Amino acid sequence: MSERTCQRHIAGIMRAVGAKSRFQAGYLLSATAACREPEEGPDPRTRVEG
């Protein structure tokens, strides 16, 4: 991925969450993730290595 493409992706994320800086975007995204309930899925303790 080129540097410009990465910058455009980050700018899009910042616009979507209403952030004015990358730090603020990270904070807002982590705060949102912390408030969400965990998704149902397989129990990681029963994972079979193979």
PDB file of N, CA and C in Angstrom:
ATOM      1  N   MET A   1       0.852  -1.162   0.000  1.00  0.00           N
ATOM      2  CA  MET A   1       0.000   0.000   0.000  1.00  0.00           C
ATOM      3  C   MET A   1       0.899   1.228   0.000  1.00  0.00           C
ATOM      4  N   SER A   2       0.559   2.181  -0.824  1.00  0.00           N
ATOM      5  CA  SER A   2       1.372   3.395  -0.893  1.00  0.00           C
ATOM      6  C   SER A   2       1.092   4.302   0.305  1.00  0.00           C
ATOM      7  N   GLU A   3       2.011   5.208   0.532  1.00  0.00           N
ATOM      8  CA  GLU A   3       1.855   6.142   1.652  1.00  0.00           C
ATOM      9  C   GLU A   3       0.604   6.999   1.469  1.00  0.00           C
ATOM     10  N   ARG A   4       0.358   7.435   0.244  1.00  0.00           N
ATOM     11  CA  ARG A   4      -0.816   8.280  -0.029  1.00  0.00           C
ATOM     12  C   ARG A   4      -2.115   7.515   0.222  1.00  0.00           C
ATOM     13  N   THR A   5      -2.160   6.250  -0.168  1.00  0.00           N
ATOM     14  CA  THR A   5      -3.353   5.432   0.062  1.00  0.00           C
ATOM     15  C   THR A   5      -3.600   5.282   1.559  1.00  0.00           C
ATOM     16  N   CYS A   6      -2.553   5.060   2.319  1.00  0.00           N
ATOM     17  CA  CYS A   6      -2.668   4.939   3.775  1.00  0.00           C
ATOM     18  C   CYS A   6      -3.196   6.243   4.371  1.00  0.00           C
ATOM     19  N   GLN A   7      -2.674   7.381   3.918  1.00  0.00           N
ATOM     20  CA  GLN A   7      -3.138   8.678   4.406  1.00  0.00           C
ATOM     21  C   GLN A   7      -4.623   8.875   4.106  1.00  0.00           C
ATOM     22  N   ARG A   8      -5.064   8.449   2.926  1.00  0.00           N
ATOM     23  CA  ARG A   8      -6.480   8.587   2.567  1.00  0.00           C
ATOM     24  C   ARG A   8      -7.357   7.698   3.440  1.00  0.00           C
ATOM     25  N   HIS A   9      -6.905   6.496   3.729  1.00  0.00           N
ATOM     26  CA  HIS A   9      -7.667   5.598   4.612  1.00  0.00           C
ATOM     27  C   HIS A   9      -7.803   6.209   6.010  1.00  0.00           C
ATOM     28  N   ILE A  10      -6.709   6.715   6.530  1.00  0.00           N
ATOM     29  CA  ILE A  10      -6.723   7.324   7.868  1.00  0.00           C
ATOM     30  C   ILE A  10      -7.630   8.554   7.874  1.00  0.00           C
ATOM     31  N   ALA A  11      -7.565   9.381   6.828  1.00  0.00           N
ATOM     32  CA  ALA A  11      -8.423  10.565   6.748  1.00  0.00           C
ATOM     33  C   ALA A  11      -9.894  10.157   6.719  1.00  0.00           C
ATOM     34  N   GLY A  12     -10.215   9.085   6.019  1.00  0.00           N
ATOM     35  CA  GLY A  12     -11.596   8.603   5.973  1.00  0.00           C
ATOM     36  C   GLY A  12     -12.084   8.123   7.327  1.00  0.00           C
ATOM     37  N   ILE A  13     -11.216   7.431   8.044  1.00  0.00           N
ATOM     38  CA  ILE A  13     -11.573   6.961   9.392  1.00  0.00           C
ATOM     39  C   ILE A  13     -11.790   8.156  10.314  1.00  0.00           C
ATOM     40  N   MET A  14     -10.894   9.132  10.228  1.00  0.00           N
ATOM     41  CA  MET A  14     -11.021  10.325  11.075  1.00  0.00           C
ATOM     42  C   MET A  14     -12.318  11.067  10.788  1.00  0.00           C
ATOM     43  N   ARG A  15     -12.673  11.174   9.509  1.00  0.00           N
ATOM     44  CA  ARG A  15     -13.934  11.821   9.140  1.00  0.00           C
ATOM     45  C   ARG A  15     -15.124  11.042   9.693  1.00  0.00           C
ATOM     46  N   ALA A  16     -15.072   9.714   9.599  1.00  0.00           N
ATOM     47  CA  ALA A  16     -16.184   8.870  10.035  1.00  0.00           C
ATOM     48  C   ALA A  16     -16.444   8.984  11.538  1.00  0.00           C
ATOM     49  N   VAL A  17     -15.378   9.133  12.326  1.00  0.00           N
ATOM     50  CA  VAL A  17     -15.557   9.208  13.785  1.00  0.00           C
ATOM     51  C   VAL A  17     -15.581  10.648  14.296  1.00  0.00           C
ATOM     52  N   GLY A  18     -15.374  11.618  13.402  1.00  0.00           N
ATOM     53  CA  GLY A  18     -15.420  13.020  13.793  1.00  0.00           C
ATOM     54  C   GLY A  18     -14.197  13.481  14.563  1.00  0.00           C
ATOM     55  N   ALA A  19     -13.049  12.896  14.262  1.00  0.00           N
ATOM     56  CA  ALA A  19     -11.813  13.233  14.978  1.00  0.00           C
ATOM     57  C   ALA A  19     -11.032  14.310  14.228  1.00  0.00           C
ATOM     58  N   LYS A  20     -10.318  15.132  14.990  1.00  0.00           N
ATOM     59  CA  LYS A  20      -9.486  16.175  14.398  1.00  0.00           C
ATOM     60  C   LYS A  20      -8.003  15.804  14.396  1.00  0.00           C
ATOM     61  N   SER A  21      -7.661  14.688  15.050  1.00  0.00           N
ATOM     62  CA  SER A  21      -6.276  14.223  15.052  1.00  0.00           C
ATOM     63  C   SER A  21      -6.261  12.700  15.086  1.00  0.00           C
ATOM     64  N   ARG A  22      -5.114  12.119  14.723  1.00  0.00           N
ATOM     65  CA  ARG A  22      -5.003  10.655  14.782  1.00  0.00           C
ATOM     66  C   ARG A  22      -5.123  10.168  16.220  1.00  0.00           C
ATOM     67  N   PHE A  23      -4.593  10.936  17.161  1.00  0.00           N
ATOM     68  CA  PHE A  23      -4.697  10.560  18.571  1.00  0.00           C
ATOM     69  C   PHE A  23      -6.159  10.520  19.000  1.00  0.00           C
ATOM     70  N   GLN A  24      -6.909  11.554  18.636  1.00  0.00           N
ATOM     71  CA  GLN A  24      -8.323  11.603  18.994  1.00  0.00           C
ATOM     72  C   GLN A  24      -9.082  10.451  18.328  1.00  0.00           C
ATOM     73  N   ALA A  25      -8.760  10.135  17.096  1.00  0.00           N
ATOM     74  CA  ALA A  25      -9.415   9.020  16.406  1.00  0.00           C
ATOM     75  C   ALA A  25      -9.154   7.714  17.151  1.00  0.00           C
ATOM     76  N   GLY A  26      -7.923   7.495  17.570  1.00  0.00           N
ATOM     77  CA  GLY A  26      -7.591   6.285  18.325  1.00  0.00           C
ATOM     78  C   GLY A  26      -8.343   6.213  19.634  1.00  0.00           C
ATOM     79  N   TYR A  27      -8.435   7.348  20.316  1.00  0.00           N
ATOM     80  CA  TYR A  27      -9.165   7.390  21.586  1.00  0.00           C
ATOM     81  C   TYR A  27     -10.642   7.083  21.366  1.00  0.00           C
ATOM     82  N   LEU A  28     -11.242   7.738  20.379  1.00  0.00           N
ATOM     83  CA  LEU A  28     -12.670   7.531  20.122  1.00  0.00           C
ATOM     84  C   LEU A  28     -12.961   6.093  19.716  1.00  0.00           C
ATOM     85  N   LEU A  29     -12.101   5.518  18.898  1.00  0.00           N
ATOM     86  CA  LEU A  29     -12.309   4.130  18.468  1.00  0.00           C
ATOM     87  C   LEU A  29     -12.146   3.156  19.627  1.00  0.00           C
ATOM     88  N   SER A  30     -11.167   3.397  20.497  1.00  0.00           N
ATOM     89  CA  SER A  30     -10.970   2.487  21.628  1.00  0.00           C
ATOM     90  C   SER A  30     -12.091   2.642  22.648  1.00  0.00           C
ATOM     91  N   ALA A  31     -12.580   3.870  22.837  1.00  0.00           N
ATOM     92  CA  ALA A  31     -13.692   4.084  23.764  1.00  0.00           C
ATOM     93  C   ALA A  31     -14.949   3.396  23.252  1.00  0.00           C
ATOM     94  N   THR A  32     -15.168   3.440  21.945  1.00  0.00           N
ATOM     95  CA  THR A  32     -16.322   2.772  21.344  1.00  0.00           C
ATOM     96  C   THR A  32     -16.196   1.257  21.500  1.00  0.00           C
ATOM     97  N   ALA A  33     -15.008   0.734  21.260  1.00  0.00           N
ATOM     98  CA  ALA A  33     -14.794  -0.715  21.365  1.00  0.00           C
ATOM     99  C   ALA A  33     -14.954  -1.185  22.806  1.00  0.00           C
ATOM    100  N   ALA A  34     -14.561  -0.366  23.770  1.00  0.00           N
ATOM    101  CA  ALA A  34     -14.658  -0.745  25.177  1.00  0.00           C
ATOM    102  C   ALA A  34     -16.116  -0.810  25.630  1.00  0.00           C
ATOM    103  N   CYS A  35     -16.974  -0.040  24.987  1.00  0.00           N
ATOM    104  CA  CYS A  35     -18.391  -0.001  25.371  1.00  0.00           C
ATOM    105  C   CYS A  35     -19.208  -1.130  24.744  1.00  0.00           C
ATOM    106  N   ARG A  36     -18.675  -1.760  23.729  1.00  0.00           N
ATOM    107  CA  ARG A  36     -19.406  -2.818  23.043  1.00  0.00           C
ATOM    108  C   ARG A  36     -19.350  -4.106  23.844  1.00  0.00           C
ATOM    109  N   GLU A  37     -20.418  -4.886  23.719  1.00  0.00           N
ATOM    110  CA  GLU A  37     -20.419  -6.204  24.344  1.00  0.00           C
ATOM    111  C   GLU A  37     -19.645  -7.154  23.439  1.00  0.00           C
ATOM    112  N   PRO A  38     -18.960  -8.128  24.010  1.00  0.00           N
ATOM    113  CA  PRO A  38     -18.216  -9.073  23.173  1.00  0.00           C
ATOM    114  C   PRO A  38     -19.174  -9.855  22.275  1.00  0.00           C
ATOM    115  N   GLU A  39     -18.707 -10.127  21.063  1.00  0.00           N
ATOM    116  CA  GLU A  39     -19.517 -10.893  20.131  1.00  0.00           C
ATOM    117  C   GLU A  39     -19.481 -12.364  20.499  1.00  0.00           C
ATOM    118  N   GLU A  40     -20.571 -13.046  20.207  1.00  0.00           N
ATOM    119  CA  GLU A  40     -20.613 -14.483  20.438  1.00  0.00           C
ATOM    120  C   GLU A  40     -19.700 -15.155  19.421  1.00  0.00           C
ATOM    121  N   GLY A  41     -19.010 -16.137  19.843  1.00  0.00           N
ATOM    122  CA  GLY A  41     -18.128 -16.857  18.943  1.00  0.00           C
ATOM    123  C   GLY A  41     -17.597 -18.094  19.633  1.00  0.00           C
ATOM    124  N   PRO A  42     -16.721 -18.812  18.966  1.00  0.00           N
ATOM    125  CA  PRO A  42     -16.164 -20.010  19.584  1.00  0.00           C
ATOM    126  C   PRO A  42     -15.345 -19.667  20.825  1.00  0.00           C
ATOM    127  N   ASP A  43     -15.381 -20.534  21.783  1.00  0.00           N
ATOM    128  CA  ASP A  43     -14.632 -20.355  23.020  1.00  0.00           C
ATOM    129  C   ASP A  43     -13.146 -20.557  22.714  1.00  0.00           C
ATOM    130  N   PRO A  44     -12.305 -19.523  22.890  1.00  0.00           N
ATOM    131  CA  PRO A  44     -10.886 -19.657  22.551  1.00  0.00           C
ATOM    132  C   PRO A  44     -10.162 -20.701  23.406  1.00  0.00           C
ATOM    133  N   ARG A  45     -10.743 -21.065  24.550  1.00  0.00           N
ATOM    134  CA  ARG A  45     -10.096 -22.068  25.400  1.00  0.00           C
ATOM    135  C   ARG A  45     -10.233 -23.469  24.827  1.00  0.00           C
ATOM    136  N   THR A  46     -11.167 -23.645  23.891  1.00  0.00           N
ATOM    137  CA  THR A  46     -11.369 -24.975  23.305  1.00  0.00           C
ATOM    138  C   THR A  46     -10.775 -25.082  21.919  1.00  0.00           C
ATOM    139  N   ARG A  47      -9.956 -24.108  21.541  1.00  0.00           N
ATOM    140  CA  ARG A  47      -9.326 -24.101  20.233  1.00  0.00           C
ATOM    141  C   ARG A  47      -8.377 -25.272  20.074  1.00  0.00           C
ATOM    142  N   VAL A  48      -8.456 -25.925  18.931  1.00  0.00           N
ATOM    143  CA  VAL A  48      -7.609 -27.082  18.654  1.00  0.00           C
ATOM    144  C   VAL A  48      -6.460 -26.623  17.780  1.00  0.00           C
ATOM    145  N   GLU A  49      -5.260 -26.840  18.235  1.00  0.00           N
ATOM    146  CA  GLU A  49      -4.072 -26.528  17.454  1.00  0.00           C
ATOM    147  C   GLU A  49      -3.813 -27.662  16.485  1.00  0.00           C
ATOM    148  N   GLY A  50      -3.461 -27.327  15.269  1.00  0.00           N
ATOM    149  CA  GLY A  50      -3.213 -28.438  14.364  1.00  0.00           C
ATOM    150  C   GLY A  50      -2.500 -28.042  13.211  1.00  0.00           C
TER     151      GLY A  50
END
